[in-house]
Protein backbone atom coordinates (compact mmCIF):
# COMPACT_ATOMS: atom_id res chain seq x y z
CA MET A 1 93.43 26.49 148.28
CA ALA A 2 91.97 29.13 146.37
CA GLY A 3 88.80 31.08 147.20
CA TYR A 4 86.68 29.74 143.90
CA LYS A 5 86.67 26.66 141.81
CA ILE A 6 84.34 25.74 139.25
CA LEU A 7 84.43 21.69 138.28
CA GLN A 8 82.46 20.15 135.19
CA ALA A 9 81.64 17.39 133.53
CA GLU A 10 79.41 15.90 130.87
CA LYS A 11 77.80 12.95 129.91
CA GLN A 12 75.61 12.26 127.30
CA GLY A 13 74.89 16.19 126.39
CA ILE A 14 73.92 16.28 130.54
CA TYR A 15 76.37 19.19 131.88
CA VAL A 16 77.37 19.13 135.56
CA LEU A 17 79.01 22.10 136.90
CA LYS A 18 79.88 22.12 140.75
CA PHE A 19 80.81 26.09 141.93
CA ILE A 20 82.76 25.98 144.89
CA GLY A 21 83.75 28.92 146.96
CA GLU A 22 83.62 32.72 146.66
CA ILE A 23 82.09 32.83 142.74
CA ARG A 24 81.93 36.46 141.83
CA LEU A 25 82.83 38.98 139.28
CA ASN A 26 86.21 37.83 138.57
CA LEU A 27 84.90 34.43 136.68
CA CYS A 28 82.66 36.22 134.64
CA SER A 29 84.30 35.33 131.52
CA THR A 30 85.41 32.07 132.65
CA LEU A 31 81.62 31.47 133.02
CA ASP A 32 80.44 33.22 130.14
CA ASN A 33 82.85 31.21 127.74
CA LEU A 34 81.49 28.02 129.78
CA VAL A 35 78.12 28.87 128.85
CA GLU A 36 78.98 29.87 125.23
CA SER A 37 80.66 26.27 124.39
CA ILE A 38 77.90 24.22 126.11
CA THR A 39 75.19 25.98 124.66
CA GLN A 40 77.21 25.16 120.90
CA ASP A 41 77.47 21.94 122.10
CA PRO A 42 75.24 19.88 119.58
CA GLN A 43 74.18 17.29 121.89
CA PHE A 44 73.64 19.54 125.09
CA LYS A 45 70.67 18.70 126.43
CA THR A 46 70.21 20.28 130.12
CA VAL A 47 72.25 21.58 133.04
CA VAL A 48 73.14 20.44 136.69
CA ILE A 49 74.35 22.77 138.90
CA ASP A 50 75.49 21.88 142.29
CA LEU A 51 75.40 24.95 144.81
CA THR A 52 76.28 22.87 147.91
CA GLU A 53 79.60 24.72 148.43
CA THR A 54 79.16 27.75 146.97
CA GLU A 55 79.90 30.64 149.75
CA VAL A 56 78.60 33.77 148.04
CA ILE A 57 77.19 34.37 144.48
CA ASP A 58 76.93 37.58 142.58
CA SER A 59 74.55 38.90 140.36
CA THR A 60 76.49 38.58 137.24
CA THR A 61 77.11 34.95 137.94
CA LEU A 62 72.65 34.93 138.81
CA GLY A 63 72.59 36.10 135.06
CA LEU A 64 74.76 33.58 133.33
CA LEU A 65 73.11 30.56 135.20
CA ALA A 66 69.96 32.27 133.88
CA LYS A 67 71.37 32.23 130.48
CA ILE A 68 71.64 29.21 130.71
CA ALA A 69 68.58 27.66 131.38
CA MET A 70 67.16 29.56 129.18
CA ALA A 71 69.59 27.59 126.69
CA ALA A 72 68.42 24.63 127.92
CA GLN A 73 64.76 25.08 127.82
CA GLN A 74 65.29 26.21 124.13
CA GLN A 75 67.28 23.47 123.12
CA SER A 76 65.86 20.48 124.77
CA HIS A 77 63.05 21.49 126.85
CA PHE A 78 64.19 20.29 129.67
CA LEU A 79 64.80 22.24 132.98
CA PRO A 80 67.91 22.38 134.62
CA THR A 81 68.69 21.90 137.76
CA LEU A 82 70.19 23.47 140.88
CA ILE A 83 71.16 22.05 144.06
CA SER A 84 71.32 24.39 146.76
CA THR A 85 71.71 23.09 150.84
CA ASN A 86 72.42 26.56 151.84
CA PRO A 87 69.34 28.93 153.07
CA ASP A 88 71.34 31.97 151.84
CA ILE A 89 72.01 31.17 148.62
CA THR A 90 68.32 29.50 148.22
CA ARG A 91 66.87 32.10 149.19
CA ILE A 92 68.84 35.06 146.69
CA ILE A 93 68.12 32.52 143.48
CA THR A 94 64.21 31.82 144.65
CA SER A 95 64.23 35.62 145.15
CA MET A 96 65.33 36.14 141.30
CA GLY A 97 62.67 33.66 140.43
CA PHE A 98 65.16 30.86 139.31
CA ASP A 99 62.22 28.33 140.95
CA LYS A 100 61.04 29.34 137.41
CA ILE A 101 63.59 28.45 135.01
CA PHE A 102 64.98 25.88 137.34
CA ILE A 103 64.18 22.34 139.38
CA ILE A 104 65.67 23.48 142.70
CA VAL A 105 66.79 20.69 144.84
CA ARG A 106 67.72 21.28 148.85
CA GLU A 107 69.36 18.14 149.67
CA PRO A 108 73.13 17.16 147.85
CA ALA A 109 73.63 15.30 144.98
CA SER A 110 74.43 11.63 146.18
CA ARG A 111 77.25 10.98 143.78
CA ILE A 112 79.04 13.18 141.17
CA GLU A 113 82.18 11.98 139.88
CA GLU A 114 84.45 12.53 137.31
CA LEU A 115 84.17 16.50 138.05
CA GLU A 116 87.37 18.41 136.14
CA GLU A 117 88.35 21.93 137.24
CA ILE A 118 87.81 25.02 134.52
CA PRO A 119 90.75 27.08 133.92
CA VAL A 120 90.20 30.93 135.01
CA LEU A 121 89.98 33.62 132.24
CA ARG A 122 91.56 36.68 132.02
CA ALA A 123 89.64 39.16 130.66
CA SER A 124 89.93 43.28 130.10
CA GLU A 125 87.88 46.04 132.27
CA HIS A 126 85.74 45.98 129.28
CA GLN A 127 85.10 42.59 128.71
CA VAL A 128 84.46 41.86 131.93
CA ARG A 129 81.81 45.04 132.19
CA ASP A 130 79.89 43.80 128.45
CA LYS A 131 79.53 40.06 130.40
CA VAL A 132 78.32 42.19 133.59
CA LEU A 133 75.85 44.12 131.13
CA ASP A 134 74.87 41.10 129.51
CA ALA A 135 74.18 38.99 132.93
CA HIS A 136 71.97 41.15 134.06
CA ARG A 137 69.95 42.29 131.54
CA VAL A 138 69.01 38.33 131.43
CA LEU A 139 68.16 38.60 135.14
CA MET A 140 65.98 41.63 134.29
CA GLY A 141 63.97 39.41 131.57
CA LEU A 142 63.15 36.92 134.16
CA ASN A 143 60.49 39.28 136.17
CA ASN A 144 59.41 43.02 137.04
CA LYS A 145 61.17 42.48 140.51
CA ASN A 146 64.82 41.77 138.92
CA ARG A 147 63.45 44.72 136.41
CA GLU A 148 63.65 47.43 139.53
CA GLU A 149 66.22 45.84 140.89
CA PHE A 150 69.20 46.23 138.48
CA LYS A 151 67.49 49.20 136.12
CA ASN A 152 70.30 51.41 137.43
CA LEU A 153 72.99 49.28 137.61
CA VAL A 154 72.61 48.50 133.64
CA ARG A 155 71.28 52.18 132.60
CA ALA A 156 74.79 53.06 134.30
CA LEU A 157 76.83 50.42 132.84
CA GLU A 158 75.28 51.21 129.54
CA CYS A 159 76.10 55.24 129.69
CA GLU A 160 79.84 53.72 130.69
CA GLU A 161 79.41 51.77 127.43
CA HIS A 162 78.82 54.53 125.11
CA GLY A 163 81.33 56.81 126.90
């Protein structure tokens, strides 16, 4: 089995995403593409993100999750839901301020069916850098702690981007 997988289901504008394994930078193009397609769906209402089988999640992924949460709030005024039973993952998402943009559920979902695996997209180094930069800007916009935490990374990526 691969070290990571993203599963998806959708019904009446409610999307369910399940992240399995190590969800890191290598999935940023796949996730960004997924976020774009979900938020472009005129039926999109909200999203439930199941992190119960997530072992590792990086800040780029968190930035993309914040992006989809803000899109859900703008489009339908529904708070999206994060399901996290791993105390380490829950601590990370709470420390990023996700308790302000998600409903955080600490028990596993009882029944999620019909999930399909999302194919992983390949991306160039330039595409990955752009997605990392965008994701961290979103995180910085959530609160002052994140702004302070990621300002040097964003500055470095911006310098790299401009030559």
